[in-house]
C-alpha atoms as a PDB file:
ATOM      1  CA  MET A   1     101.563  21.146 -33.699  1.00  0.00           C
ATOM      2  CA  ALA A   2     102.171  17.463 -34.113  1.00  0.00           C
ATOM      3  CA  ASP A   3      99.244  15.153 -34.632  1.00  0.00           C
ATOM      4  CA  GLY A   4      98.292  12.666 -31.970  1.00  0.00           C
ATOM      5  CA  SER A   5      97.569  12.665 -28.279  1.00  0.00           C
ATOM      6  CA  ASP A   6     100.556  14.782 -27.264  1.00  0.00           C
ATOM      7  CA  THR A   7      99.530  18.034 -28.947  1.00  0.00           C
ATOM      8  CA  THR A   8      99.012  19.992 -25.734  1.00  0.00           C
ATOM      9  CA  LEU A   9     101.598  22.689 -25.123  1.00  0.00           C
ATOM     10  CA  THR A  10     103.913  22.307 -22.179  1.00  0.00           C
ATOM     11  CA  ALA A  11     106.347  24.770 -20.617  1.00  0.00           C
ATOM     12  CA  GLU A  12     109.415  22.996 -21.984  1.00  0.00           C
ATOM     13  CA  GLN A  13     109.800  19.903 -24.080  1.00  0.00           C
ATOM     14  CA  THR A  14     113.507  19.297 -24.064  1.00  0.00           C
ATOM     15  CA  PRO A  15     114.808  15.854 -24.846  1.00  0.00           C
ATOM     16  CA  GLY A  16     115.563  13.933 -21.696  1.00  0.00           C
ATOM     17  CA  HIS A  17     116.014  10.285 -21.170  1.00  0.00           C
ATOM     18  CA  ALA A  18     113.399   7.782 -20.156  1.00  0.00           C
ATOM     19  CA  PRO A  19     113.836   6.329 -16.642  1.00  0.00           C
ATOM     20  CA  GLN A  20     114.942   2.692 -16.724  1.00  0.00           C
ATOM     21  CA  GLY A  21     112.101   1.690 -14.393  1.00  0.00           C
ATOM     22  CA  LEU A  22     109.542   3.080 -16.828  1.00  0.00           C
ATOM     23  CA  VAL A  23     111.155   1.334 -19.797  1.00  0.00           C
ATOM     24  CA  ALA A  24     111.382  -1.926 -17.826  1.00  0.00           C
ATOM     25  CA  GLY A  25     107.696  -1.696 -16.881  1.00  0.00           C
ATOM     26  CA  ILE A  26     106.661  -1.191 -20.502  1.00  0.00           C
ATOM     27  CA  LYS A  27     108.898  -4.043 -21.694  1.00  0.00           C
ATOM     28  CA  SER A  28     107.542  -6.328 -18.973  1.00  0.00           C
ATOM     29  CA  PHE A  29     103.930  -5.574 -19.917  1.00  0.00           C
ATOM     30  CA  ALA A  30     104.599  -6.158 -23.609  1.00  0.00           C
ATOM     31  CA  ALA A  31     106.447  -9.425 -22.923  1.00  0.00           C
ATOM     32  CA  GLY A  32     103.654 -10.692 -20.692  1.00  0.00           C
ATOM     33  CA  HIS A  33     100.896  -9.979 -23.191  1.00  0.00           C
ATOM     34  CA  GLY A  34     102.344 -11.012 -26.544  1.00  0.00           C
ATOM     35  CA  GLY A  35     103.345  -7.500 -27.530  1.00  0.00           C
ATOM     36  CA  ALA A  36     101.648  -4.166 -26.993  1.00  0.00           C
ATOM     37  CA  LYS A  37     100.658  -0.840 -28.498  1.00  0.00           C
ATOM     38  CA  ALA A  38     100.533   2.435 -26.604  1.00  0.00           C
ATOM     39  CA  VAL A  39      98.510   5.637 -26.605  1.00  0.00           C
ATOM     40  CA  ILE A  40     100.045   8.620 -24.811  1.00  0.00           C
ATOM     41  CA  GLU A  41      97.714  11.075 -23.080  1.00  0.00           C
ATOM     42  CA  TYR A  42      98.754  14.432 -21.658  1.00  0.00           C
ATOM     43  CA  VAL A  43      97.409  14.770 -18.095  1.00  0.00           C
ATOM     44  CA  GLY A  44      98.499  18.276 -17.101  1.00  0.00           C
ATOM     45  CA  LYS A  45     101.023  18.861 -14.344  1.00  0.00           C
ATOM     46  CA  ARG A  46     101.053  15.147 -13.568  1.00  0.00           C
ATOM     47  CA  GLY A  47     102.759  14.475 -16.900  1.00  0.00           C
ATOM     48  CA  ALA A  48     101.704  11.873 -19.424  1.00  0.00           C
ATOM     49  CA  ARG A  49      99.791   8.628 -19.126  1.00  0.00           C
ATOM     50  CA  ILE A  50     100.955   5.744 -21.283  1.00  0.00           C
ATOM     51  CA  VAL A  51      98.019   3.395 -21.865  1.00  0.00           C
ATOM     52  CA  LEU A  52      99.321   0.013 -22.979  1.00  0.00           C
ATOM     53  CA  VAL A  53      97.082  -2.448 -24.831  1.00  0.00           C
ATOM     54  CA  GLY A  54      98.424  -5.983 -25.054  1.00  0.00           C
ATOM     55  CA  GLU A  55      97.881  -8.240 -28.057  1.00  0.00           C
ATOM     56  CA  ASP A  56      95.716 -10.414 -25.783  1.00  0.00           C
ATOM     57  CA  GLY A  57      93.388  -7.480 -25.009  1.00  0.00           C
ATOM     58  CA  VAL A  58      94.650  -6.803 -21.478  1.00  0.00           C
ATOM     59  CA  TRP A  59      95.466  -3.171 -20.795  1.00  0.00           C
ATOM     60  CA  GLY A  60      97.400  -1.215 -18.221  1.00  0.00           C
ATOM     61  CA  ASP A  61      99.091   2.113 -17.796  1.00  0.00           C
ATOM     62  CA  GLN A  62     102.298   3.833 -16.763  1.00  0.00           C
ATOM     63  CA  PHE A  63     103.051   7.481 -16.015  1.00  0.00           C
ATOM     64  CA  ALA A  64     105.902   9.612 -17.363  1.00  0.00           C
ATOM     65  CA  ASP A  65     107.044  13.147 -16.561  1.00  0.00           C
ATOM     66  CA  ASP A  66     105.905  14.435 -19.965  1.00  0.00           C
ATOM     67  CA  THR A  67     104.928  13.275 -23.436  1.00  0.00           C
ATOM     68  CA  VAL A  68     108.485  13.447 -24.757  1.00  0.00           C
ATOM     69  CA  VAL A  69     109.750  11.082 -22.044  1.00  0.00           C
ATOM     70  CA  ALA A  70     106.729   8.830 -22.643  1.00  0.00           C
ATOM     71  CA  ARG A  71     107.496   8.564 -26.367  1.00  0.00           C
ATOM     72  CA  GLN A  72     111.179   7.899 -25.659  1.00  0.00           C
ATOM     73  CA  ALA A  73     110.298   5.177 -23.148  1.00  0.00           C
ATOM     74  CA  CYS A  74     107.997   3.452 -25.636  1.00  0.00           C
ATOM     75  CA  ALA A  75     110.608   3.684 -28.395  1.00  0.00           C
ATOM     76  CA  THR A  76     113.303   2.267 -26.115  1.00  0.00           C
ATOM     77  CA  ALA A  77     110.971  -0.553 -25.036  1.00  0.00           C
ATOM     78  CA  GLY A  78     110.072  -1.351 -28.653  1.00  0.00           C
ATOM     79  CA  VAL A  79     106.364  -0.539 -28.271  1.00  0.00           C
ATOM     80  CA  THR A  80     104.497   1.173 -31.114  1.00  0.00           C
ATOM     81  CA  VAL A  81     102.787   4.444 -30.178  1.00  0.00           C
ATOM     82  CA  GLU A  82      99.411   5.054 -31.799  1.00  0.00           C
ATOM     83  CA  ASN A  83      98.526   8.677 -32.548  1.00  0.00           C
ATOM     84  CA  ALA A  84      94.954   8.373 -31.290  1.00  0.00           C
ATOM     85  CA  TRP A  85      92.371   5.923 -30.004  1.00  0.00           C
ATOM     86  CA  GLU A  86      91.510   4.115 -33.216  1.00  0.00           C
ATOM     87  CA  ARG A  87      88.482   1.835 -33.334  1.00  0.00           C
ATOM     88  CA  GLU A  88      90.584  -1.282 -33.953  1.00  0.00           C
ATOM     89  CA  LEU A  89      92.679  -0.634 -30.857  1.00  0.00           C
ATOM     90  CA  MET A  90      89.617  -0.036 -28.679  1.00  0.00           C
ATOM     91  CA  ASP A  91      87.947  -3.173 -30.003  1.00  0.00           C
ATOM     92  CA  GLN A  92      91.049  -5.138 -29.019  1.00  0.00           C
ATOM     93  CA  MET A  93      90.764  -4.084 -25.336  1.00  0.00           C
ATOM     94  CA  ARG A  94      89.213  -6.655 -23.013  1.00  0.00           C
ATOM     95  CA  PRO A  95      88.462  -5.393 -19.496  1.00  0.00           C
ATOM     96  CA  SER A  96      89.130  -7.918 -16.739  1.00  0.00           C
ATOM     97  CA  ASN A  97      86.364  -9.312 -14.534  1.00  0.00           C
ATOM     98  CA  ASP A  98      87.802  -7.331 -11.609  1.00  0.00           C
ATOM     99  CA  LEU A  99      87.430  -4.092 -13.571  1.00  0.00           C
ATOM    100  CA  TRP A 100      83.822  -4.921 -14.471  1.00  0.00           C
ATOM    101  CA  ARG A 101      83.077  -5.600 -10.792  1.00  0.00           C
ATOM    102  CA  SER A 102      84.678  -2.328  -9.678  1.00  0.00           C
ATOM    103  CA  MET A 103      82.725  -0.384 -12.310  1.00  0.00           C
ATOM    104  CA  ALA A 104      79.477  -2.051 -11.219  1.00  0.00           C
ATOM    105  CA  ARG A 105      79.980  -0.773  -7.642  1.00  0.00           C
ATOM    106  CA  ARG A 106      80.336   2.842  -8.735  1.00  0.00           C
ATOM    107  CA  THR A 107      77.322   5.084  -8.888  1.00  0.00           C
ATOM    108  CA  MET A 108      76.970   8.159 -11.000  1.00  0.00           C
ATOM    109  CA  ALA A 109      76.692  11.423  -9.064  1.00  0.00           C
ATOM    110  CA  ARG A 110      74.221  13.973 -10.293  1.00  0.00           C
END
C-alpha cells in the first residue's frame, strides 16, 4: 500500500480525469490565500475529502469521487499534497472567528 492518507482500499482505482469544477475550486482557493497545501482523506462511499490549507492559515475543503481523482485534481491545480497531517501544517491552520463561534454552540453528547 502507498503511504499517506489514501491507503484505504477501494473497489476500483482506475485513472480518470479530475472534473474542471473541482480543479477550478482548488485553484481559486490557492490563489485567494497565497498558495495552499492539501491533505486527502478517504471518506468511504462518499469519496475523498481534500482539505486545503492556505499559506495565510485559512482552510477549506472540496470533495472528489475517490482519492485518485483528488490527487489528479490537486496536481492539475498545482497544489502540493501532503501525505499526512504533519505538525507544521496543523500549526499553520487558523480557524476563523465564525468557526470558533459555531464550535462554542455545540455541546458534547454523552
